PDB file of all heavy atoms in Angstrom:
ATOM      1  N   ASN A   1     -88.770 -75.230-179.662  1.00  0.00           N
ATOM      2  CA  ASN A   1     -88.617 -76.654-179.914  1.00  0.00           C
ATOM      3  C   ASN A   1     -87.489 -76.934-180.931  1.00  0.00           C
ATOM      4  O   ASN A   1     -87.508 -76.319-182.032  1.00  0.00           O
ATOM      5  CB  ASN A   1     -89.999 -77.003-180.628  1.00  0.00           C
ATOM      6  CG  ASN A   1     -90.049 -78.489-180.960  1.00  0.00           C
ATOM      7  OD1 ASN A   1     -89.065 -79.239-181.009  1.00  0.00           O
ATOM      8  ND2 ASN A   1     -91.256 -79.027-181.192  1.00  0.00           N
ATOM      9  N   ASN A   2     -86.515 -77.707-180.449  1.00  0.00           N
ATOM     10  CA  ASN A   2     -85.324 -77.888-181.217  1.00  0.00           C
ATOM     11  C   ASN A   2     -85.296 -79.092-182.161  1.00  0.00           C
ATOM     12  O   ASN A   2     -84.324 -79.574-182.523  1.00  0.00           O
ATOM     13  CB  ASN A   2     -83.979 -77.833-180.386  1.00  0.00           C
ATOM     14  CG  ASN A   2     -84.028 -79.036-179.393  1.00  0.00           C
ATOM     15  OD1 ASN A   2     -84.844 -79.959-179.472  1.00  0.00           O
ATOM     16  ND2 ASN A   2     -83.150 -78.950-178.527  1.00  0.00           N
ATOM     17  N   LYS A   3     -86.455 -79.552-182.493  1.00  0.00           N
ATOM     18  CA  LYS A   3     -86.555 -80.849-183.401  1.00  0.00           C
ATOM     19  C   LYS A   3     -85.951 -80.510-184.790  1.00  0.00           C
ATOM     20  O   LYS A   3     -85.147 -81.306-185.277  1.00  0.00           O
ATOM     21  CB  LYS A   3     -88.002 -81.233-183.657  1.00  0.00           C
ATOM     22  CG  LYS A   3     -88.222 -82.410-184.422  1.00  0.00           C
ATOM     23  CD  LYS A   3     -89.660 -82.695-184.689  1.00  0.00           C
ATOM     24  CE  LYS A   3     -89.826 -83.957-185.528  1.00  0.00           C
ATOM     25  NZ  LYS A   3     -91.243 -84.386-185.744  1.00  0.00           N
ATOM     26  N   ILE A   4     -86.224 -79.320-185.358  1.00  0.00           N
ATOM     27  CA  ILE A   4     -85.572 -78.991-186.605  1.00  0.00           C
ATOM     28  C   ILE A   4     -84.054 -78.991-186.620  1.00  0.00           C
ATOM     29  O   ILE A   4     -83.406 -79.324-187.518  1.00  0.00           O
ATOM     30  CB  ILE A   4     -86.214 -77.642-187.145  1.00  0.00           C
ATOM     31  CG1 ILE A   4     -85.684 -77.429-188.558  1.00  0.00           C
ATOM     32  CG2 ILE A   4     -85.754 -76.590-186.262  1.00  0.00           C
ATOM     33  CD1 ILE A   4     -86.371 -76.199-189.291  1.00  0.00           C
ATOM     34  N   LEU A   5     -83.473 -78.619-185.406  1.00  0.00           N
ATOM     35  CA  LEU A   5     -82.078 -78.521-185.270  1.00  0.00           C
ATOM     36  C   LEU A   5     -81.578 -79.927-185.104  1.00  0.00           C
ATOM     37  O   LEU A   5     -80.532 -80.264-185.810  1.00  0.00           O
ATOM     38  CB  LEU A   5     -81.672 -77.743-183.925  1.00  0.00           C
ATOM     39  CG  LEU A   5     -80.257 -77.699-183.634  1.00  0.00           C
ATOM     40  CD1 LEU A   5     -79.462 -77.063-184.692  1.00  0.00           C
ATOM     41  CD2 LEU A   5     -80.067 -76.772-182.358  1.00  0.00           C
ATOM     42  N   ARG A   6     -82.219 -80.800-184.383  1.00  0.00           N
ATOM     43  CA  ARG A   6     -81.850 -82.174-184.265  1.00  0.00           C
ATOM     44  C   ARG A   6     -81.732 -82.897-185.523  1.00  0.00           C
ATOM     45  O   ARG A   6     -80.738 -83.659-185.880  1.00  0.00           O
ATOM     46  CB  ARG A   6     -82.654 -82.895-183.233  1.00  0.00           C
ATOM     47  CG  ARG A   6     -82.574 -82.380-181.829  1.00  0.00           C
ATOM     48  CD  ARG A   6     -83.154 -83.490-180.862  1.00  0.00           C
ATOM     49  NE  ARG A   6     -84.428 -83.906-181.144  1.00  0.00           N
ATOM     50  CZ  ARG A   6     -85.553 -83.315-180.740  1.00  0.00           C
ATOM     51  NH1 ARG A   6     -85.378 -82.222-179.896  1.00  0.00           N
ATOM     52  NH2 ARG A   6     -86.731 -83.729-180.983  1.00  0.00           N
ATOM     53  N   VAL A   7     -82.770 -82.696-186.400  1.00  0.00           N
ATOM     54  CA  VAL A   7     -82.825 -83.270-187.755  1.00  0.00           C
ATOM     55  C   VAL A   7     -81.599 -82.927-188.538  1.00  0.00           C
ATOM     56  O   VAL A   7     -80.949 -83.740-189.178  1.00  0.00           O
ATOM     57  CB  VAL A   7     -84.105 -82.958-188.439  1.00  0.00           C
ATOM     58  CG1 VAL A   7     -84.084 -83.400-189.895  1.00  0.00           C
ATOM     59  CG2 VAL A   7     -85.316 -83.557-187.755  1.00  0.00           C
ATOM     60  N   ASN A   8     -81.344 -81.547-188.578  1.00  0.00           N
ATOM     61  CA  ASN A   8     -80.169 -81.080-189.348  1.00  0.00           C
ATOM     62  C   ASN A   8     -78.874 -81.551-188.784  1.00  0.00           C
ATOM     63  O   ASN A   8     -78.053 -81.971-189.511  1.00  0.00           O
ATOM     64  CB  ASN A   8     -80.229 -79.579-189.278  1.00  0.00           C
ATOM     65  CG  ASN A   8     -81.052 -78.959-190.454  1.00  0.00           C
ATOM     66  OD1 ASN A   8     -80.709 -78.911-191.636  1.00  0.00           O
ATOM     67  ND2 ASN A   8     -82.310 -78.629-189.974  1.00  0.00           N
ATOM     68  N   MET A   9     -78.793 -81.680-187.542  1.00  0.00           N
ATOM     69  CA  MET A   9     -77.465 -82.244-186.990  1.00  0.00           C
ATOM     70  C   MET A   9     -77.334 -83.683-187.295  1.00  0.00           C
ATOM     71  O   MET A   9     -76.114 -84.076-187.571  1.00  0.00           O
ATOM     72  CB  MET A   9     -77.529 -81.968-185.383  1.00  0.00           C
ATOM     73  CG  MET A   9     -77.385 -80.524-184.999  1.00  0.00           C
ATOM     74  SD  MET A   9     -75.861 -79.806-185.482  1.00  0.00           S
ATOM     75  CE  MET A   9     -74.642 -80.911-184.777  1.00  0.00           C
ATOM     76  N   THR A  10     -78.307 -84.418-187.196  1.00  0.00           N
ATOM     77  CA  THR A  10     -78.277 -85.882-187.674  1.00  0.00           C
ATOM     78  C   THR A  10     -77.730 -85.999-189.123  1.00  0.00           C
ATOM     79  O   THR A  10     -76.899 -86.820-189.376  1.00  0.00           O
ATOM     80  CB  THR A  10     -79.702 -86.523-187.526  1.00  0.00           C
ATOM     81  OG1 THR A  10     -80.082 -86.532-186.184  1.00  0.00           O
ATOM     82  CG2 THR A  10     -79.618 -88.057-188.001  1.00  0.00           C
ATOM     83  N   ASN A  11     -78.305 -85.177-189.993  1.00  0.00           N
ATOM     84  CA  ASN A  11     -77.868 -85.134-191.383  1.00  0.00           C
ATOM     85  C   ASN A  11     -76.379 -84.772-191.447  1.00  0.00           C
ATOM     86  O   ASN A  11     -75.674 -85.290-192.253  1.00  0.00           O
ATOM     87  CB  ASN A  11     -78.700 -84.220-192.302  1.00  0.00           C
ATOM     88  CG  ASN A  11     -80.135 -84.821-192.381  1.00  0.00           C
ATOM     89  OD1 ASN A  11     -80.428 -86.009-192.271  1.00  0.00           O
ATOM     90  ND2 ASN A  11     -81.169 -83.874-192.570  1.00  0.00           N
ATOM     91  N   ILE A  12     -76.041 -83.746-190.732  1.00  0.00           N
ATOM     92  CA  ILE A  12     -74.636 -83.214-190.814  1.00  0.00           C
ATOM     93  C   ILE A  12     -73.677 -84.304-190.344  1.00  0.00           C
ATOM     94  O   ILE A  12     -72.702 -84.617-190.974  1.00  0.00           O
ATOM     95  CB  ILE A  12     -74.366 -81.987-189.922  1.00  0.00           C
ATOM     96  CG1 ILE A  12     -75.119 -80.861-190.635  1.00  0.00           C
ATOM     97  CG2 ILE A  12     -72.981 -81.686-189.757  1.00  0.00           C
ATOM     98  CD1 ILE A  12     -75.284 -79.554-189.633  1.00  0.00           C
ATOM     99  N   ARG A  13     -73.944 -85.009-189.164  1.00  0.00           N
ATOM    100  CA  ARG A  13     -73.064 -86.025-188.649  1.00  0.00           C
ATOM    101  C   ARG A  13     -73.017 -87.169-189.557  1.00  0.00           C
ATOM    102  O   ARG A  13     -71.936 -87.805-189.836  1.00  0.00           O
ATOM    103  CB  ARG A  13     -73.621 -86.468-187.281  1.00  0.00           C
ATOM    104  CG  ARG A  13     -73.280 -85.580-186.212  1.00  0.00           C
ATOM    105  CD  ARG A  13     -74.069 -85.800-184.924  1.00  0.00           C
ATOM    106  NE  ARG A  13     -73.349 -85.378-183.737  1.00  0.00           N
ATOM    107  CZ  ARG A  13     -73.989 -85.110-182.645  1.00  0.00           C
ATOM    108  NH1 ARG A  13     -75.276 -85.342-182.473  1.00  0.00           N
ATOM    109  NH2 ARG A  13     -73.327 -84.644-181.582  1.00  0.00           N
ATOM    110  N   ARG A  14     -74.082 -87.523-190.251  1.00  0.00           N
ATOM    111  CA  ARG A  14     -74.150 -88.609-191.198  1.00  0.00           C
ATOM    112  C   ARG A  14     -73.187 -88.218-192.469  1.00  0.00           C
ATOM    113  O   ARG A  14     -72.332 -89.109-192.836  1.00  0.00           O
ATOM    114  CB  ARG A  14     -75.513 -88.986-191.708  1.00  0.00           C
ATOM    115  CG  ARG A  14     -75.588 -90.035-192.820  1.00  0.00           C
ATOM    116  CD  ARG A  14     -77.057 -90.273-193.262  1.00  0.00           C
ATOM    117  NE  ARG A  14     -77.855 -89.051-193.495  1.00  0.00           N
ATOM    118  CZ  ARG A  14     -77.696 -88.425-194.671  1.00  0.00           C
ATOM    119  NH1 ARG A  14     -76.902 -88.884-195.680  1.00  0.00           N
ATOM    120  NH2 ARG A  14     -78.432 -87.315-194.859  1.00  0.00           N
ATOM    121  N   LYS A  15     -73.278 -87.057-192.862  1.00  0.00           N
ATOM    122  CA  LYS A  15     -72.495 -86.708-194.117  1.00  0.00           C
ATOM    123  C   LYS A  15     -71.069 -86.523-193.956  1.00  0.00           C
ATOM    124  O   LYS A  15     -70.234 -86.849-194.723  1.00  0.00           O
ATOM    125  CB  LYS A  15     -73.072 -85.325-194.647  1.00  0.00           C
ATOM    126  CG  LYS A  15     -74.460 -85.513-195.233  1.00  0.00           C
ATOM    127  CD  LYS A  15     -75.067 -84.109-195.801  1.00  0.00           C
ATOM    128  CE  LYS A  15     -76.408 -84.272-196.308  1.00  0.00           C
ATOM    129  NZ  LYS A  15     -76.845 -82.936-196.919  1.00  0.00           N
ATOM    130  N   ILE A  16     -70.599 -86.099-192.613  1.00  0.00           N
ATOM    131  CA  ILE A  16     -69.235 -85.958-192.364  1.00  0.00           C
ATOM    132  C   ILE A  16     -68.648 -87.235-191.640  1.00  0.00           C
ATOM    133  O   ILE A  16     -67.451 -87.243-191.396  1.00  0.00           O
ATOM    134  CB  ILE A  16     -68.909 -84.600-191.388  1.00  0.00           C
ATOM    135  CG1 ILE A  16     -69.461 -84.750-190.070  1.00  0.00           C
ATOM    136  CG2 ILE A  16     -69.429 -83.394-192.119  1.00  0.00           C
ATOM    137  CD1 ILE A  16     -69.153 -83.619-189.095  1.00  0.00           C
ATOM    138  N   GLY A  17     -69.431 -88.271-191.381  1.00  0.00           N
ATOM    139  CA  GLY A  17     -68.971 -89.533-190.917  1.00  0.00           C
ATOM    140  C   GLY A  17     -68.718 -89.459-189.394  1.00  0.00           C
ATOM    141  O   GLY A  17     -67.733 -89.986-188.964  1.00  0.00           O
ATOM    142  N   ASP A  18     -69.503 -88.652-188.637  1.00  0.00           N
ATOM    143  CA  ASP A  18     -69.164 -88.509-187.159  1.00  0.00           C
ATOM    144  C   ASP A  18     -70.314 -89.335-186.496  1.00  0.00           C
ATOM    145  O   ASP A  18     -71.545 -88.929-186.339  1.00  0.00           O
ATOM    146  CB  ASP A  18     -69.378 -87.014-186.933  1.00  0.00           C
ATOM    147  CG  ASP A  18     -68.692 -86.715-185.527  1.00  0.00           C
ATOM    148  OD1 ASP A  18     -67.659 -87.337-185.173  1.00  0.00           O
ATOM    149  OD2 ASP A  18     -69.248 -85.777-184.767  1.00  0.00           O
ATOM    150  N   ASP A  19     -69.863 -90.314-185.878  1.00  0.00           N
ATOM    151  CA  ASP A  19     -70.772 -91.213-185.006  1.00  0.00           C
ATOM    152  C   ASP A  19     -71.179 -90.487-183.703  1.00  0.00           C
ATOM    153  O   ASP A  19     -70.166 -90.289-182.828  1.00  0.00           O
ATOM    154  CB  ASP A  19     -70.114 -92.440-184.664  1.00  0.00           C
ATOM    155  CG  ASP A  19     -70.985 -93.570-184.024  1.00  0.00           C
ATOM    156  OD1 ASP A  19     -72.107 -93.224-183.670  1.00  0.00           O
ATOM    157  OD2 ASP A  19     -70.615 -94.716-183.849  1.00  0.00           O
ATOM    158  N   PRO A  20     -72.414 -90.252-183.464  1.00  0.00           N
ATOM    159  CA  PRO A  20     -72.754 -89.544-182.175  1.00  0.00           C
ATOM    160  C   PRO A  20     -72.472 -90.372-180.922  1.00  0.00           C
ATOM    161  O   PRO A  20     -72.216 -89.784-179.858  1.00  0.00           O
ATOM    162  CB  PRO A  20     -74.246 -89.253-182.328  1.00  0.00           C
ATOM    163  CG  PRO A  20     -74.718 -90.128-183.324  1.00  0.00           C
ATOM    164  CD  PRO A  20     -73.625 -90.428-184.304  1.00  0.00           C
ATOM    165  N   ALA A  21     -72.333 -91.663-181.114  1.00  0.00           N
ATOM    166  CA  ALA A  21     -72.020 -92.658-179.937  1.00  0.00           C
ATOM    167  C   ALA A  21     -70.540 -92.481-179.650  1.00  0.00           C
ATOM    168  O   ALA A  21     -70.040 -92.546-178.532  1.00  0.00           O
ATOM    169  CB  ALA A  21     -72.410 -93.979-180.242  1.00  0.00           C
ATOM    170  N   GLU A  22     -69.704 -92.225-180.631  1.00  0.00           N
ATOM    171  CA  GLU A  22     -68.382 -92.026-180.478  1.00  0.00           C
ATOM    172  C   GLU A  22     -67.856 -90.853-181.315  1.00  0.00           C
ATOM    173  O   GLU A  22     -67.096 -91.084-182.351  1.00  0.00           O
ATOM    174  CB  GLU A  22     -67.478 -93.306-180.722  1.00  0.00           C
ATOM    175  CG  GLU A  22     -67.867 -94.519-179.908  1.00  0.00           C
ATOM    176  CD  GLU A  22     -67.005 -95.685-180.320  1.00  0.00           C
ATOM    177  OE1 GLU A  22     -65.980 -95.660-181.050  1.00  0.00           O
ATOM    178  OE2 GLU A  22     -67.351 -96.920-179.774  1.00  0.00           O
ATOM    179  N   PRO A  23     -68.251 -89.638-180.879  1.00  0.00           N
ATOM    180  CA  PRO A  23     -67.913 -88.558-181.752  1.00  0.00           C
ATOM    181  C   PRO A  23     -66.488 -88.084-181.844  1.00  0.00           C
ATOM    182  O   PRO A  23     -65.654 -88.302-180.904  1.00  0.00           O
ATOM    183  CB  PRO A  23     -68.688 -87.444-181.151  1.00  0.00           C
ATOM    184  CG  PRO A  23     -68.831 -87.831-179.652  1.00  0.00           C
ATOM    185  CD  PRO A  23     -68.918 -89.183-179.718  1.00  0.00           C
ATOM    186  N   LYS A  24     -66.070 -87.683-183.016  1.00  0.00           N
ATOM    187  CA  LYS A  24     -64.641 -87.090-183.272  1.00  0.00           C
ATOM    188  C   LYS A  24     -64.694 -85.707-183.466  1.00  0.00           C
ATOM    189  O   LYS A  24     -63.778 -85.053-183.224  1.00  0.00           O
ATOM    190  CB  LYS A  24     -64.043 -87.779-184.541  1.00  0.00           C
ATOM    191  CG  LYS A  24     -62.714 -87.300-184.773  1.00  0.00           C
ATOM    192  CD  LYS A  24     -61.976 -88.200-185.780  1.00  0.00           C
ATOM    193  CE  LYS A  24     -62.642 -88.266-187.209  1.00  0.00           C
ATOM    194  NZ  LYS A  24     -61.808 -88.921-188.238  1.00  0.00           N
ATOM    195  N   TYR A  25     -65.835 -85.128-184.097  1.00  0.00           N
ATOM    196  CA  TYR A  25     -65.979 -83.673-184.403  1.00  0.00           C
ATOM    197  C   TYR A  25     -66.970 -82.915-183.549  1.00  0.00           C
ATOM    198  O   TYR A  25     -66.592 -81.885-182.947  1.00  0.00           O
ATOM    199  CB  TYR A  25     -66.315 -83.550-185.890  1.00  0.00           C
ATOM    200  CG  TYR A  25     -65.311 -84.192-186.916  1.00  0.00           C
ATOM    201  CD1 TYR A  25     -65.795 -85.122-187.729  1.00  0.00           C
ATOM    202  CD2 TYR A  25     -63.987 -83.916-186.826  1.00  0.00           C
ATOM    203  CE1 TYR A  25     -64.992 -85.796-188.569  1.00  0.00           C
ATOM    204  CE2 TYR A  25     -63.127 -84.558-187.781  1.00  0.00           C
ATOM    205  CZ  TYR A  25     -63.664 -85.502-188.665  1.00  0.00           C
ATOM    206  OH  TYR A  25     -62.772 -86.154-189.502  1.00  0.00           O
ATOM    207  N   ILE A  26     -68.119 -83.446-183.558  1.00  0.00           N
ATOM    208  CA  ILE A  26     -69.285 -82.719-182.846  1.00  0.00           C
ATOM    209  C   ILE A  26     -69.660 -83.529-181.537  1.00  0.00           C
ATOM    210  O   ILE A  26     -70.188 -84.629-181.607  1.00  0.00           O
ATOM    211  CB  ILE A  26     -70.470 -82.522-183.741  1.00  0.00           C
ATOM    212  CG1 ILE A  26     -70.057 -81.813-185.046  1.00  0.00           C
ATOM    213  CG2 ILE A  26     -71.551 -81.659-183.115  1.00  0.00           C
ATOM    214  CD1 ILE A  26     -71.113 -81.843-186.180  1.00  0.00           C
ATOM    215  N   PHE A  27     -69.572 -82.773-180.380  1.00  0.00           N
ATOM    216  CA  PHE A  27     -69.848 -83.367-179.201  1.00  0.00           C
ATOM    217  C   PHE A  27     -71.145 -82.803-178.613  1.00  0.00           C
ATOM    218  O   PHE A  27     -71.288 -81.594-178.668  1.00  0.00           O
ATOM    219  CB  PHE A  27     -68.746 -83.229-178.239  1.00  0.00           C
ATOM    220  CG  PHE A  27     -67.389 -83.753-178.671  1.00  0.00           C
ATOM    221  CD1 PHE A  27     -66.507 -82.969-179.331  1.00  0.00           C
ATOM    222  CD2 PHE A  27     -67.064 -85.110-178.264  1.00  0.00           C
ATOM    223  CE1 PHE A  27     -65.322 -83.598-179.917  1.00  0.00           C
ATOM    224  CE2 PHE A  27     -65.914 -85.641-178.776  1.00  0.00           C
ATOM    225  CZ  PHE A  27     -65.012 -84.940-179.526  1.00  0.00           C
ATOM    226  N   THR A  28     -72.003 -83.663-178.204  1.00  0.00           N
ATOM    227  CA  THR A  28     -73.326 -83.215-177.467  1.00  0.00           C
ATOM    228  C   THR A  28     -73.158 -82.991-176.069  1.00  0.00           C
ATOM    229  O   THR A  28     -72.664 -83.787-175.412  1.00  0.00           O
ATOM    230  CB  THR A  28     -74.428 -84.176-177.728  1.00  0.00           C
ATOM    231  OG1 THR A  28     -74.619 -84.426-179.187  1.00  0.00           O
ATOM    232  CG2 THR A  28     -75.637 -83.810-177.146  1.00  0.00           C
ATOM    233  N   GLU A  29     -73.474 -81.689-175.524  1.00  0.00           N
ATOM    234  CA  GLU A  29     -73.414 -81.420-174.186  1.00  0.00           C
ATOM    235  C   GLU A  29     -74.877 -81.520-173.790  1.00  0.00           C
ATOM    236  O   GLU A  29     -75.763 -80.797-174.020  1.00  0.00           O
ATOM    237  CB  GLU A  29     -73.004 -79.963-173.969  1.00  0.00           C
ATOM    238  CG  GLU A  29     -71.603 -79.782-174.494  1.00  0.00           C
ATOM    239  CD  GLU A  29     -70.381 -80.464-173.597  1.00  0.00           C
ATOM    240  OE1 GLU A  29     -70.912 -80.753-172.440  1.00  0.00           O
ATOM    241  OE2 GLU A  29     -69.373 -80.660-174.116  1.00  0.00           O
ATOM    242  N   SER A  30     -75.192 -82.710-173.130  1.00  0.00           N
ATOM    243  CA  SER A  30     -76.613 -83.107-172.910  1.00  0.00           C
ATOM    244  C   SER A  30     -77.374 -82.061-172.186  1.00  0.00           C
ATOM    245  O   SER A  30     -77.033 -81.400-171.204  1.00  0.00           O
ATOM    246  CB  SER A  30     -76.554 -84.364-171.898  1.00  0.00           C
ATOM    247  OG  SER A  30     -77.954 -84.818-171.675  1.00  0.00           O
ATOM    248  N   GLY A  31     -78.544 -81.813-172.847  1.00  0.00           N
ATOM    249  CA  GLY A  31     -79.436 -80.740-172.277  1.00  0.00           C
ATOM    250  C   GLY A  31     -79.053 -79.306-172.481  1.00  0.00           C
ATOM    251  O   GLY A  31     -79.764 -78.302-172.125  1.00  0.00           O
ATOM    252  N   VAL A  32     -77.832 -79.070-173.061  1.00  0.00           N
ATOM    253  CA  VAL A  32     -77.332 -77.773-173.265  1.00  0.00           C
ATOM    254  C   VAL A  32     -77.151 -77.412-174.837  1.00  0.00           C
ATOM    255  O   VAL A  32     -77.723 -76.404-175.229  1.00  0.00           O
ATOM    256  CB  VAL A  32     -76.002 -77.622-172.525  1.00  0.00           C
ATOM    257  CG1 VAL A  32     -75.493 -76.220-172.715  1.00  0.00           C
ATOM    258  CG2 VAL A  32     -76.129 -77.967-171.127  1.00  0.00           C
ATOM    259  N   GLY A  33     -76.294 -78.170-175.488  1.00  0.00           N
ATOM    260  CA  GLY A  33     -76.043 -77.796-176.895  1.00  0.00           C
ATOM    261  C   GLY A  33     -74.997 -78.675-177.539  1.00  0.00           C
ATOM    262  O   GLY A  33     -74.825 -79.884-177.106  1.00  0.00           O
ATOM    263  N   TYR A  34     -74.047 -77.981-178.286  1.00  0.00           N
ATOM    264  CA  TYR A  34     -73.058 -78.807-178.901  1.00  0.00           C
ATOM    265  C   TYR A  34     -71.664 -78.075-178.830  1.00  0.00           C
ATOM    266  O   TYR A  34     -71.540 -76.873-178.630  1.00  0.00           O
ATOM    267  CB  TYR A  34     -73.336 -78.958-180.350  1.00  0.00           C
ATOM    268  CG  TYR A  34     -74.704 -79.632-180.781  1.00  0.00           C
ATOM    269  CD1 TYR A  34     -75.907 -78.833-181.025  1.00  0.00           C
ATOM    270  CD2 TYR A  34     -74.845 -80.955-180.734  1.00  0.00           C
ATOM    271  CE1 TYR A  34     -77.131 -79.449-181.352  1.00  0.00           C
ATOM    272  CE2 TYR A  34     -76.134 -81.617-180.957  1.00  0.00           C
ATOM    273  CZ  TYR A  34     -77.288 -80.839-181.283  1.00  0.00           C
ATOM    274  OH  TYR A  34     -78.428 -81.384-181.474  1.00  0.00           O
ATOM    275  N   ARG A  35     -70.676 -78.953-178.916  1.00  0.00           N
ATOM    276  CA  ARG A  35     -69.414 -78.373-178.953  1.00  0.00           C
ATOM    277  C   ARG A  35     -68.484 -78.982-180.079  1.00  0.00           C
ATOM    278  O   ARG A  35     -68.442 -80.210-180.193  1.00  0.00           O
ATOM    279  CB  ARG A  35     -68.726 -78.736-177.568  1.00  0.00           C
ATOM    280  CG  ARG A  35     -67.223 -78.170-177.392  1.00  0.00           C
ATOM    281  CD  ARG A  35     -66.643 -78.398-176.033  1.00  0.00           C
ATOM    282  NE  ARG A  35     -66.744 -79.780-175.583  1.00  0.00           N
ATOM    283  CZ  ARG A  35     -65.982 -80.830-175.812  1.00  0.00           C
ATOM    284  NH1 ARG A  35     -64.855 -80.620-176.652  1.00  0.00           N
ATOM    285  NH2 ARG A  35     -66.308 -82.088-175.439  1.00  0.00           N
ATOM    286  N   MET A  36     -67.896 -78.113-180.799  1.00  0.00           N
ATOM    287  CA  MET A  36     -67.003 -78.606-181.955  1.00  0.00           C
ATOM    288  C   MET A  36     -65.654 -78.794-181.474  1.00  0.00           C
ATOM    289  O   MET A  36     -65.172 -77.953-180.805  1.00  0.00           O
ATOM    290  CB  MET A  36     -67.101 -77.495-183.052  1.00  0.00           C
ATOM    291  CG  MET A  36     -66.674 -77.993-184.500  1.00  0.00           C
ATOM    292  SD  MET A  36     -68.021 -78.971-185.241  1.00  0.00           S
ATOM    293  CE  MET A  36     -67.105 -79.683-186.571  1.00  0.00           C
ATOM    294  N   ALA A  37     -65.067 -79.896-182.084  1.00  0.00           N
ATOM    295  CA  ALA A  37     -63.574 -80.091-181.555  1.00  0.00           C
ATOM    296  C   ALA A  37     -62.852 -78.772-182.034  1.00  0.00           C
ATOM    297  O   ALA A  37     -62.993 -78.210-183.068  1.00  0.00           O
ATOM    298  CB  ALA A  37     -63.026 -81.226-182.318  1.00  0.00           C
ATOM    299  N   GLU A  38     -62.011 -78.361-181.100  1.00  0.00           N
ATOM    300  CA  GLU A  38     -61.150 -77.193-181.396  1.00  0.00           C
ATOM    301  C   GLU A  38     -60.338 -77.259-182.651  1.00  0.00           C
ATOM    302  O   GLU A  38     -59.591 -78.213-182.761  1.00  0.00           O
ATOM    303  CB  GLU A  38     -60.374 -76.719-180.133  1.00  0.00           C
ATOM    304  CG  GLU A  38     -59.766 -75.384-180.240  1.00  0.00           C
ATOM    305  CD  GLU A  38     -59.250 -74.819-178.907  1.00  0.00           C
ATOM    306  OE1 GLU A  38     -59.455 -75.619-177.917  1.00  0.00           O
ATOM    307  OE2 GLU A  38     -58.842 -73.745-178.782  1.00  0.00           O
TER     308      GLU A  38
END
């Protein structure tokens, strides 16, 4: 269950100013995971 991960990711994105709707740093690969900008 990745609920605890999602909560932490939400907090990280908020703190670094990364909008999940228009991400600059952390991209969500739907149903798979995350990809950080190189």
